[in-house]
C-alpha atoms as a PDB file:
ATOM      1  CA  UNK A   1       2.833 -13.660   3.074  1.00  0.00           C
ATOM      2  CA  UNK A   2      -0.652 -12.185   2.957  1.00  0.00           C
ATOM      3  CA  UNK A   3      -2.356 -10.073   0.313  1.00  0.00           C
ATOM      4  CA  UNK A   4      -4.463  -6.979   0.805  1.00  0.00           C
ATOM      5  CA  UNK A   5      -5.450  -4.009  -1.335  1.00  0.00           C
ATOM      6  CA  UNK A   6      -5.486  -0.227  -1.523  1.00  0.00           C
ATOM      7  CA  UNK A   7      -7.194   2.298  -3.777  1.00  0.00           C
ATOM      8  CA  UNK A   8      -4.889   4.280  -6.060  1.00  0.00           C
ATOM      9  CA  UNK A   9      -5.129   7.964  -5.137  1.00  0.00           C
ATOM     10  CA  UNK A  10      -4.687   8.917  -8.803  1.00  0.00           C
ATOM     11  CA  UNK A  11      -6.950   6.609 -10.841  1.00  0.00           C
ATOM     12  CA  UNK A  12      -9.212   5.057  -8.183  1.00  0.00           C
ATOM     13  CA  UNK A  13      -8.377   1.458  -9.101  1.00  0.00           C
ATOM     14  CA  UNK A  14      -8.143  -1.202  -6.394  1.00  0.00           C
ATOM     15  CA  UNK A  15      -4.579  -2.566  -6.304  1.00  0.00           C
ATOM     16  CA  UNK A  16      -3.774  -5.905  -4.631  1.00  0.00           C
ATOM     17  CA  UNK A  17      -0.368  -6.083  -2.929  1.00  0.00           C
ATOM     18  CA  UNK A  18       1.479  -8.610  -0.778  1.00  0.00           C
ATOM     19  CA  UNK A  19       2.155  -7.623   2.836  1.00  0.00           C
ATOM     20  CA  UNK A  20       4.740  -9.126   5.165  1.00  0.00           C
ATOM     21  CA  UNK A  21       4.415  -8.593   8.937  1.00  0.00           C
ATOM     22  CA  UNK A  22       8.049  -9.644   9.448  1.00  0.00           C
ATOM     23  CA  UNK A  23       9.073  -6.292   7.860  1.00  0.00           C
ATOM     24  CA  UNK A  24       7.679  -4.408  10.873  1.00  0.00           C
ATOM     25  CA  UNK A  25       4.403  -3.291  12.394  1.00  0.00           C
ATOM     26  CA  UNK A  26       4.508   0.085  10.591  1.00  0.00           C
ATOM     27  CA  UNK A  27       5.734   0.224   6.985  1.00  0.00           C
ATOM     28  CA  UNK A  28       5.828   2.938   4.303  1.00  0.00           C
ATOM     29  CA  UNK A  29       7.173   2.772   0.778  1.00  0.00           C
ATOM     30  CA  UNK A  30       6.623   4.247  -2.682  1.00  0.00           C
ATOM     31  CA  UNK A  31       5.081   2.079  -5.391  1.00  0.00           C
ATOM     32  CA  UNK A  32       3.956   2.999  -8.901  1.00  0.00           C
ATOM     33  CA  UNK A  33       0.351   2.084  -9.678  1.00  0.00           C
ATOM     34  CA  UNK A  34       0.333  -0.825 -12.164  1.00  0.00           C
ATOM     35  CA  UNK A  35      -2.704   0.742 -13.897  1.00  0.00           C
ATOM     36  CA  UNK A  36      -1.826   4.447 -14.300  1.00  0.00           C
ATOM     37  CA  UNK A  37       1.922   4.366 -13.406  1.00  0.00           C
ATOM     38  CA  UNK A  38       1.578   7.234 -10.904  1.00  0.00           C
ATOM     39  CA  UNK A  39       3.620   6.985  -7.674  1.00  0.00           C
ATOM     40  CA  UNK A  40       1.756   6.265  -4.441  1.00  0.00           C
ATOM     41  CA  UNK A  41       3.071   6.374  -0.899  1.00  0.00           C
ATOM     42  CA  UNK A  42       1.815   3.102   0.586  1.00  0.00           C
ATOM     43  CA  UNK A  43       1.301   2.795   4.340  1.00  0.00           C
ATOM     44  CA  UNK A  44       0.938  -0.610   6.000  1.00  0.00           C
ATOM     45  CA  UNK A  45       0.077  -1.009   9.660  1.00  0.00           C
ATOM     46  CA  UNK A  46      -0.403  -4.299  11.507  1.00  0.00           C
ATOM     47  CA  UNK A  47      -2.653  -4.485  14.576  1.00  0.00           C
ATOM     48  CA  UNK A  48      -3.020  -7.897  16.191  1.00  0.00           C
ATOM     49  CA  UNK A  49      -1.660  -9.425  12.982  1.00  0.00           C
ATOM     50  CA  UNK A  50      -4.313  -7.783  10.784  1.00  0.00           C
ATOM     51  CA  UNK A  51      -2.988  -5.464   8.054  1.00  0.00           C
ATOM     52  CA  UNK A  52      -4.425  -2.032   7.359  1.00  0.00           C
ATOM     53  CA  UNK A  53      -3.255  -0.427   4.106  1.00  0.00           C
ATOM     54  CA  UNK A  54      -3.828   3.003   2.590  1.00  0.00           C
ATOM     55  CA  UNK A  55      -2.196   5.084  -0.117  1.00  0.00           C
ATOM     56  CA  UNK A  56      -1.665   8.742  -0.826  1.00  0.00           C
ATOM     57  CA  UNK A  57      -0.062  10.663  -3.666  1.00  0.00           C
ATOM     58  CA  UNK A  58       3.691  10.869  -3.389  1.00  0.00           C
ATOM     59  CA  UNK A  59       4.767  14.474  -2.925  1.00  0.00           C
ATOM     60  CA  UNK A  60       7.756  15.580  -4.998  1.00  0.00           C
END
């Protein structure tokens, strides 16, 4: 399993997360920021085995 990072949309902190390409080429899930505890919608996309990750505020 690899690690990569995203920037929390709420507090601006860089958050390191594990990514697993065996879970699919396109992944989305909600994760609370470990710094500010706000929910982020995390998007993971794999292209040629290289992960691209970004986050946005979760909409209620």
